Amino acid sequence: MFSFVDSSGLALRLSRDDRAAFIAEFRTTLHEAHGHVMKEYVTVPEAVLANTAALAASWTYASTLKPKPTTRKPAK
């Protein structure tokens, strides 16, 4: 998962360097969901939603991550 929307807005998953730059440039914070700070996610301010270049960094980072192994049993 590289992004999601909850009651507090859009959250993007970013690499450490991109996360620091995004927080500094757009004056935002790490995303908080259900009372927990999500260390790899930042909250996207509404003014940034139209800036697709800034949002694309999340897809780039997520595509480098290895998928988790499935725990489901194969279908019969």
PDB file of N, CA and C in Angstrom:
ATOM      1  N   MET A   1       0.855  -1.164   0.000  1.00  0.00           N
ATOM      2  CA  MET A   1       0.000   0.000   0.000  1.00  0.00           C
ATOM      3  C   MET A   1       0.904   1.230   0.000  1.00  0.00           C
ATOM      4  N   PHE A   2       0.615   2.154  -0.887  1.00  0.00           N
ATOM      5  CA  PHE A   2       1.439   3.351  -0.940  1.00  0.00           C
ATOM      6  C   PHE A   2       0.663   4.620  -0.614  1.00  0.00           C
ATOM      7  N   SER A   3      -0.651   4.521  -0.510  1.00  0.00           N
ATOM      8  CA  SER A   3      -1.460   5.670  -0.106  1.00  0.00           C
ATOM      9  C   SER A   3      -2.801   5.181   0.411  1.00  0.00           C
ATOM     10  N   PHE A   4      -3.437   6.021   1.204  1.00  0.00           N
ATOM     11  CA  PHE A   4      -4.794   5.724   1.656  1.00  0.00           C
ATOM     12  C   PHE A   4      -5.464   7.004   2.120  1.00  0.00           C
ATOM     13  N   VAL A   5      -6.779   6.940   2.215  1.00  0.00           N
ATOM     14  CA  VAL A   5      -7.567   8.075   2.678  1.00  0.00           C
ATOM     15  C   VAL A   5      -8.316   7.647   3.923  1.00  0.00           C
ATOM     16  N   ASP A   6      -8.260   8.468   4.946  1.00  0.00           N
ATOM     17  CA  ASP A   6      -9.057   8.217   6.142  1.00  0.00           C
ATOM     18  C   ASP A   6      -9.711   9.528   6.551  1.00  0.00           C
ATOM     19  N   SER A   7     -10.265   9.572   7.733  1.00  0.00           N
ATOM     20  CA  SER A   7     -11.019  10.759   8.159  1.00  0.00           C
ATOM     21  C   SER A   7     -10.159  12.023   8.259  1.00  0.00           C
ATOM     22  N   SER A   8      -8.851  11.861   8.413  1.00  0.00           N
ATOM     23  CA  SER A   8      -7.988  13.042   8.511  1.00  0.00           C
ATOM     24  C   SER A   8      -7.358  13.429   7.178  1.00  0.00           C
ATOM     25  N   GLY A   9      -7.659  12.705   6.104  1.00  0.00           N
ATOM     26  CA  GLY A   9      -7.179  13.087   4.778  1.00  0.00           C
ATOM     27  C   GLY A   9      -6.358  12.011   4.098  1.00  0.00           C
ATOM     28  N   LEU A  10      -5.624  12.428   3.073  1.00  0.00           N
ATOM     29  CA  LEU A  10      -4.805  11.535   2.272  1.00  0.00           C
ATOM     30  C   LEU A  10      -3.451  11.329   2.939  1.00  0.00           C
ATOM     31  N   ALA A  11      -2.970  10.083   2.926  1.00  0.00           N
ATOM     32  CA  ALA A  11      -1.653   9.751   3.461  1.00  0.00           C
ATOM     33  C   ALA A  11      -0.842   9.070   2.370  1.00  0.00           C
ATOM     34  N   LEU A  12       0.437   9.447   2.255  1.00  0.00           N
ATOM     35  CA  LEU A  12       1.330   8.855   1.267  1.00  0.00           C
ATOM     36  C   LEU A  12       2.500   8.176   1.963  1.00  0.00           C
ATOM     37  N   ARG A  13       2.890   7.025   1.434  1.00  0.00           N
ATOM     38  CA  ARG A  13       4.060   6.316   1.944  1.00  0.00           C
ATOM     39  C   ARG A  13       5.269   6.770   1.136  1.00  0.00           C
ATOM     40  N   LEU A  14       6.295   7.277   1.827  1.00  0.00           N
ATOM     41  CA  LEU A  14       7.472   7.817   1.164  1.00  0.00           C
ATOM     42  C   LEU A  14       8.750   7.254   1.784  1.00  0.00           C
ATOM     43  N   SER A  15       9.832   7.293   0.999  1.00  0.00           N
ATOM     44  CA  SER A  15      11.136   6.887   1.522  1.00  0.00           C
ATOM     45  C   SER A  15      11.592   7.908   2.558  1.00  0.00           C
ATOM     46  N   ARG A  16      12.610   7.565   3.305  1.00  0.00           N
ATOM     47  CA  ARG A  16      13.087   8.448   4.378  1.00  0.00           C
ATOM     48  C   ARG A  16      13.464   9.829   3.837  1.00  0.00           C
ATOM     49  N   ASP A  17      14.243   9.870   2.758  1.00  0.00           N
ATOM     50  CA  ASP A  17      14.680  11.156   2.209  1.00  0.00           C
ATOM     51  C   ASP A  17      13.512  11.948   1.633  1.00  0.00           C
ATOM     52  N   ASP A  18      12.652  11.273   0.872  1.00  0.00           N
ATOM     53  CA  ASP A  18      11.482  11.945   0.294  1.00  0.00           C
ATOM     54  C   ASP A  18      10.538  12.436   1.382  1.00  0.00           C
ATOM     55  N   ARG A  19      10.410  11.647   2.442  1.00  0.00           N
ATOM     56  CA  ARG A  19       9.533  12.018   3.556  1.00  0.00           C
ATOM     57  C   ARG A  19      10.024  13.304   4.220  1.00  0.00           C
ATOM     58  N   ALA A  20      11.328  13.391   4.478  1.00  0.00           N
ATOM     59  CA  ALA A  20      11.886  14.588   5.109  1.00  0.00           C
ATOM     60  C   ALA A  20      11.715  15.809   4.207  1.00  0.00           C
ATOM     61  N   ALA A  21      11.966  15.637   2.915  1.00  0.00           N
ATOM     62  CA  ALA A  21      11.816  16.743   1.981  1.00  0.00           C
ATOM     63  C   ALA A  21      10.356  17.175   1.862  1.00  0.00           C
ATOM     64  N   PHE A  22       9.435  16.218   1.811  1.00  0.00           N
ATOM     65  CA  PHE A  22       8.007  16.519   1.698  1.00  0.00           C
ATOM     66  C   PHE A  22       7.522  17.272   2.926  1.00  0.00           C
ATOM     67  N   ILE A  23       7.923  16.825   4.104  1.00  0.00           N
ATOM     68  CA  ILE A  23       7.519  17.487   5.346  1.00  0.00           C
ATOM     69  C   ILE A  23       8.044  18.922   5.387  1.00  0.00           C
ATOM     70  N   ALA A  24       9.295  19.123   4.983  1.00  0.00           N
ATOM     71  CA  ALA A  24       9.873  20.464   4.997  1.00  0.00           C
ATOM     72  C   ALA A  24       9.236  21.373   3.947  1.00  0.00           C
ATOM     73  N   GLU A  25       9.052  20.850   2.738  1.00  0.00           N
ATOM     74  CA  GLU A  25       8.531  21.671   1.646  1.00  0.00           C
ATOM     75  C   GLU A  25       7.070  22.055   1.821  1.00  0.00           C
ATOM     76  N   PHE A  26       6.246  21.118   2.280  1.00  0.00           N
ATOM     77  CA  PHE A  26       4.810  21.372   2.362  1.00  0.00           C
ATOM     78  C   PHE A  26       4.316  21.614   3.791  1.00  0.00           C
ATOM     79  N   ARG A  27       5.229  21.704   4.734  1.00  0.00           N
ATOM     80  CA  ARG A  27       4.910  22.000   6.143  1.00  0.00           C
ATOM     81  C   ARG A  27       3.801  21.097   6.669  1.00  0.00           C
ATOM     82  N   THR A  28       4.055  19.813   6.602  1.00  0.00           N
ATOM     83  CA  THR A  28       3.093  18.831   7.070  1.00  0.00           C
ATOM     84  C   THR A  28       3.755  17.953   8.132  1.00  0.00           C
ATOM     85  N   THR A  29       3.092  16.878   8.523  1.00  0.00           N
ATOM     86  CA  THR A  29       3.606  16.001   9.575  1.00  0.00           C
ATOM     87  C   THR A  29       3.460  14.543   9.164  1.00  0.00           C
ATOM     88  N   LEU A  30       4.018  13.667   9.987  1.00  0.00           N
ATOM     89  CA  LEU A  30       3.765  12.250   9.803  1.00  0.00           C
ATOM     90  C   LEU A  30       2.280  12.006  10.025  1.00  0.00           C
ATOM     91  N   HIS A  31       1.738  11.033   9.323  1.00  0.00           N
ATOM     92  CA  HIS A  31       0.298  10.776   9.402  1.00  0.00           C
ATOM     93  C   HIS A  31      -0.034  10.011  10.683  1.00  0.00           C
ATOM     94  N   GLU A  32      -1.132  10.384  11.300  1.00  0.00           N
ATOM     95  CA  GLU A  32      -1.605   9.701  12.498  1.00  0.00           C
ATOM     96  C   GLU A  32      -2.951   9.058  12.179  1.00  0.00           C
ATOM     97  N   ALA A  33      -3.043   7.759  12.438  1.00  0.00           N
ATOM     98  CA  ALA A  33      -4.286   7.024  12.192  1.00  0.00           C
ATOM     99  C   ALA A  33      -4.637   6.214  13.428  1.00  0.00           C
ATOM    100  N   HIS A  34      -5.851   6.367  13.900  1.00  0.00           N
ATOM    101  CA  HIS A  34      -6.354   5.633  15.060  1.00  0.00           C
ATOM    102  C   HIS A  34      -5.436   5.798  16.276  1.00  0.00           C
ATOM    103  N   GLY A  35      -4.901   7.001  16.448  1.00  0.00           N
ATOM    104  CA  GLY A  35      -4.076   7.300  17.610  1.00  0.00           C
ATOM    105  C   GLY A  35      -2.631   6.850  17.507  1.00  0.00           C
ATOM    106  N   HIS A  36      -2.203   6.344  16.348  1.00  0.00           N
ATOM    107  CA  HIS A  36      -0.826   5.885  16.166  1.00  0.00           C
ATOM    108  C   HIS A  36      -0.166   6.666  15.034  1.00  0.00           C
ATOM    109  N   VAL A  37       1.079   7.072  15.262  1.00  0.00           N
ATOM    110  CA  VAL A  37       1.836   7.763  14.222  1.00  0.00           C
ATOM    111  C   VAL A  37       2.381   6.708  13.267  1.00  0.00           C
ATOM    112  N   MET A  38       2.104   6.888  11.996  1.00  0.00           N
ATOM    113  CA  MET A  38       2.565   5.951  10.973  1.00  0.00           C
ATOM    114  C   MET A  38       3.886   6.485  10.430  1.00  0.00           C
ATOM    115  N   LYS A  39       4.988   5.825  10.772  1.00  0.00           N
ATOM    116  CA  LYS A  39       6.331   6.337  10.541  1.00  0.00           C
ATOM    117  C   LYS A  39       6.696   6.541   9.077  1.00  0.00           C
ATOM    118  N   GLU A  40       6.124   5.779   8.161  1.00  0.00           N
ATOM    119  CA  GLU A  40       6.478   5.914   6.743  1.00  0.00           C
ATOM    120  C   GLU A  40       5.477   6.755   5.951  1.00  0.00           C
ATOM    121  N   TYR A  41       4.447   7.259   6.581  1.00  0.00           N
ATOM    122  CA  TYR A  41       3.390   7.988   5.886  1.00  0.00           C
ATOM    123  C   TYR A  41       3.358   9.450   6.303  1.00  0.00           C
ATOM    124  N   VAL A  42       3.084  10.320   5.338  1.00  0.00           N
ATOM    125  CA  VAL A  42       2.913  11.749   5.617  1.00  0.00           C
ATOM    126  C   VAL A  42       1.491  12.152   5.254  1.00  0.00           C
ATOM    127  N   THR A  43       0.977  13.143   5.945  1.00  0.00           N
ATOM    128  CA  THR A  43      -0.336  13.691   5.628  1.00  0.00           C
ATOM    129  C   THR A  43      -0.170  14.701   4.508  1.00  0.00           C
ATOM    130  N   VAL A  44      -1.012  14.589   3.486  1.00  0.00           N
ATOM    131  CA  VAL A  44      -0.934  15.476   2.326  1.00  0.00           C
ATOM    132  C   VAL A  44      -1.889  16.647   2.534  1.00  0.00           C
ATOM    133  N   PRO A  45      -1.366  17.875   2.566  1.00  0.00           N
ATOM    134  CA  PRO A  45      -2.235  19.039   2.689  1.00  0.00           C
ATOM    135  C   PRO A  45      -3.114  19.184   1.439  1.00  0.00           C
ATOM    136  N   GLU A  46      -4.298  19.758   1.593  1.00  0.00           N
ATOM    137  CA  GLU A  46      -5.231  19.908   0.470  1.00  0.00           C
ATOM    138  C   GLU A  46      -4.631  20.693  -0.687  1.00  0.00           C
ATOM    139  N   ALA A  47      -3.800  21.675  -0.398  1.00  0.00           N
ATOM    140  CA  ALA A  47      -3.210  22.499  -1.450  1.00  0.00           C
ATOM    141  C   ALA A  47      -2.268  21.703  -2.355  1.00  0.00           C
ATOM    142  N   VAL A  48      -1.782  20.568  -1.901  1.00  0.00           N
ATOM    143  CA  VAL A  48      -0.819  19.765  -2.658  1.00  0.00           C
ATOM    144  C   VAL A  48      -1.511  18.722  -3.532  1.00  0.00           C
ATOM    145  N   LEU A  49      -2.784  18.485  -3.349  1.00  0.00           N
ATOM    146  CA  LEU A  49      -3.479  17.421  -4.070  1.00  0.00           C
ATOM    147  C   LEU A  49      -3.401  17.567  -5.592  1.00  0.00           C
ATOM    148  N   ALA A  50      -3.317  18.759  -6.096  1.00  0.00           N
ATOM    149  CA  ALA A  50      -3.235  18.966  -7.542  1.00  0.00           C
ATOM    150  C   ALA A  50      -1.806  18.815  -8.072  1.00  0.00           C
ATOM    151  N   ASN A  51      -0.822  18.736  -7.195  1.00  0.00           N
ATOM    152  CA  ASN A  51       0.582  18.627  -7.582  1.00  0.00           C
ATOM    153  C   ASN A  51       0.926  17.148  -7.772  1.00  0.00           C
ATOM    154  N   THR A  52       0.644  16.630  -8.952  1.00  0.00           N
ATOM    155  CA  THR A  52       0.840  15.195  -9.196  1.00  0.00           C
ATOM    156  C   THR A  52       2.302  14.786  -9.150  1.00  0.00           C
ATOM    157  N   ALA A  53       3.218  15.687  -9.444  1.00  0.00           N
ATOM    158  CA  ALA A  53       4.642  15.353  -9.377  1.00  0.00           C
ATOM    159  C   ALA A  53       5.051  15.046  -7.933  1.00  0.00           C
ATOM    160  N   ALA A  54       4.527  15.808  -6.991  1.00  0.00           N
ATOM    161  CA  ALA A  54       4.846  15.572  -5.582  1.00  0.00           C
ATOM    162  C   ALA A  54       4.229  14.261  -5.099  1.00  0.00           C
ATOM    163  N   LEU A  55       3.072  13.916  -5.621  1.00  0.00           N
ATOM    164  CA  LEU A  55       2.388  12.694  -5.207  1.00  0.00           C
ATOM    165  C   LEU A  55       2.993  11.448  -5.857  1.00  0.00           C
ATOM    166  N   ALA A  56       3.632  11.598  -7.003  1.00  0.00           N
ATOM    167  CA  ALA A  56       4.197  10.456  -7.732  1.00  0.00           C
ATOM    168  C   ALA A  56       5.359   9.816  -6.988  1.00  0.00           C
ATOM    169  N   ALA A  57       6.027  10.537  -6.116  1.00  0.00           N
ATOM    170  CA  ALA A  57       7.150   9.978  -5.361  1.00  0.00           C
ATOM    171  C   ALA A  57       6.707   8.783  -4.534  1.00  0.00           C
ATOM    172  N   SER A  58       5.463   8.785  -4.094  1.00  0.00           N
ATOM    173  CA  SER A  58       4.950   7.674  -3.305  1.00  0.00           C
ATOM    174  C   SER A  58       4.884   6.397  -4.139  1.00  0.00           C
ATOM    175  N   TRP A  59       4.397   6.489  -5.356  1.00  0.00           N
ATOM    176  CA  TRP A  59       4.318   5.320  -6.243  1.00  0.00           C
ATOM    177  C   TRP A  59       5.722   4.802  -6.559  1.00  0.00           C
ATOM    178  N   THR A  60       6.647   5.698  -6.803  1.00  0.00           N
ATOM    179  CA  THR A  60       8.019   5.315  -7.118  1.00  0.00           C
ATOM    180  C   THR A  60       8.629   4.525  -5.966  1.00  0.00           C
ATOM    181  N   TYR A  61       8.449   4.999  -4.745  1.00  0.00           N
ATOM    182  CA  TYR A  61       8.991   4.309  -3.579  1.00  0.00           C
ATOM    183  C   TYR A  61       8.295   2.970  -3.363  1.00  0.00           C
ATOM    184  N   ALA A  62       6.988   2.939  -3.448  1.00  0.00           N
ATOM    185  CA  ALA A  62       6.240   1.705  -3.198  1.00  0.00           C
ATOM    186  C   ALA A  62       6.584   0.631  -4.225  1.00  0.00           C
ATOM    187  N   SER A  63       6.896   1.009  -5.429  1.00  0.00           N
ATOM    188  CA  SER A  63       7.223   0.015  -6.457  1.00  0.00           C
ATOM    189  C   SER A  63       8.583  -0.635  -6.213  1.00  0.00           C
ATOM    190  N   THR A  64       9.411  -0.064  -5.342  1.00  0.00           N
ATOM    191  CA  THR A  64      10.701  -0.668  -5.018  1.00  0.00           C
ATOM    192  C   THR A  64      10.614  -1.670  -3.872  1.00  0.00           C
ATOM    193  N   LEU A  65       9.498  -1.678  -3.152  1.00  0.00           N
ATOM    194  CA  LEU A  65       9.342  -2.564  -1.997  1.00  0.00           C
ATOM    195  C   LEU A  65       8.997  -3.981  -2.442  1.00  0.00           C
ATOM    196  N   LYS A  66       9.525  -4.968  -1.703  1.00  0.00           N
ATOM    197  CA  LYS A  66       9.204  -6.358  -1.995  1.00  0.00           C
ATOM    198  C   LYS A  66       7.828  -6.685  -1.419  1.00  0.00           C
ATOM    199  N   PRO A  67       7.018  -7.444  -2.145  1.00  0.00           N
ATOM    200  CA  PRO A  67       5.700  -7.815  -1.604  1.00  0.00           C
ATOM    201  C   PRO A  67       5.855  -8.789  -0.445  1.00  0.00           C
ATOM    202  N   LYS A  68       4.939  -8.704   0.494  1.00  0.00           N
ATOM    203  CA  LYS A  68       4.938  -9.637   1.610  1.00  0.00           C
ATOM    204  C   LYS A  68       4.449 -10.994   1.121  1.00  0.00           C
ATOM    205  N   PRO A  69       5.002 -12.071   1.661  1.00  0.00           N
ATOM    206  CA  PRO A  69       4.512 -13.393   1.250  1.00  0.00           C
ATOM    207  C   PRO A  69       3.090 -13.604   1.730  1.00  0.00           C
ATOM    208  N   THR A  70       2.319 -14.278   0.934  1.00  0.00           N
ATOM    209  CA  THR A  70       0.915 -14.522   1.284  1.00  0.00           C
ATOM    210  C   THR A  70       0.802 -15.650   2.300  1.00  0.00           C
ATOM    211  N   THR A  71      -0.210 -15.590   3.108  1.00  0.00           N
ATOM    212  CA  THR A  71      -0.464 -16.651   4.074  1.00  0.00           C
ATOM    213  C   THR A  71      -1.706 -17.427   3.685  1.00  0.00           C
ATOM    214  N   ARG A  72      -2.331 -17.044   2.573  1.00  0.00           N
ATOM    215  CA  ARG A  72      -3.528 -17.728   2.115  1.00  0.00           C
ATOM    216  C   ARG A  72      -3.162 -19.068   1.505  1.00  0.00           C
ATOM    217  N   LYS A  73      -4.073 -20.006   1.669  1.00  0.00           N
ATOM    218  CA  LYS A  73      -3.891 -21.309   1.026  1.00  0.00           C
ATOM    219  C   LYS A  73      -4.343 -21.188  -0.415  1.00  0.00           C
ATOM    220  N   PRO A  74      -3.686 -21.910  -1.319  1.00  0.00           N
ATOM    221  CA  PRO A  74      -4.080 -21.819  -2.728  1.00  0.00           C
ATOM    222  C   PRO A  74      -5.500 -22.304  -2.947  1.00  0.00           C
ATOM    223  N   ALA A  75      -6.173 -21.698  -3.927  1.00  0.00           N
ATOM    224  CA  ALA A  75      -7.548 -22.106  -4.262  1.00  0.00           C
ATOM    225  C   ALA A  75      -7.560 -23.506  -4.843  1.00  0.00           C
ATOM    226  N   LYS A  76      -8.617 -24.229  -4.565  1.00  0.00           N
ATOM    227  CA  LYS A  76      -8.703 -25.602  -5.074  1.00  0.00           C
ATOM    228  C   LYS A  76      -9.277 -25.636  -6.455  1.00  0.00           C
TER     229      LYS A  76
END
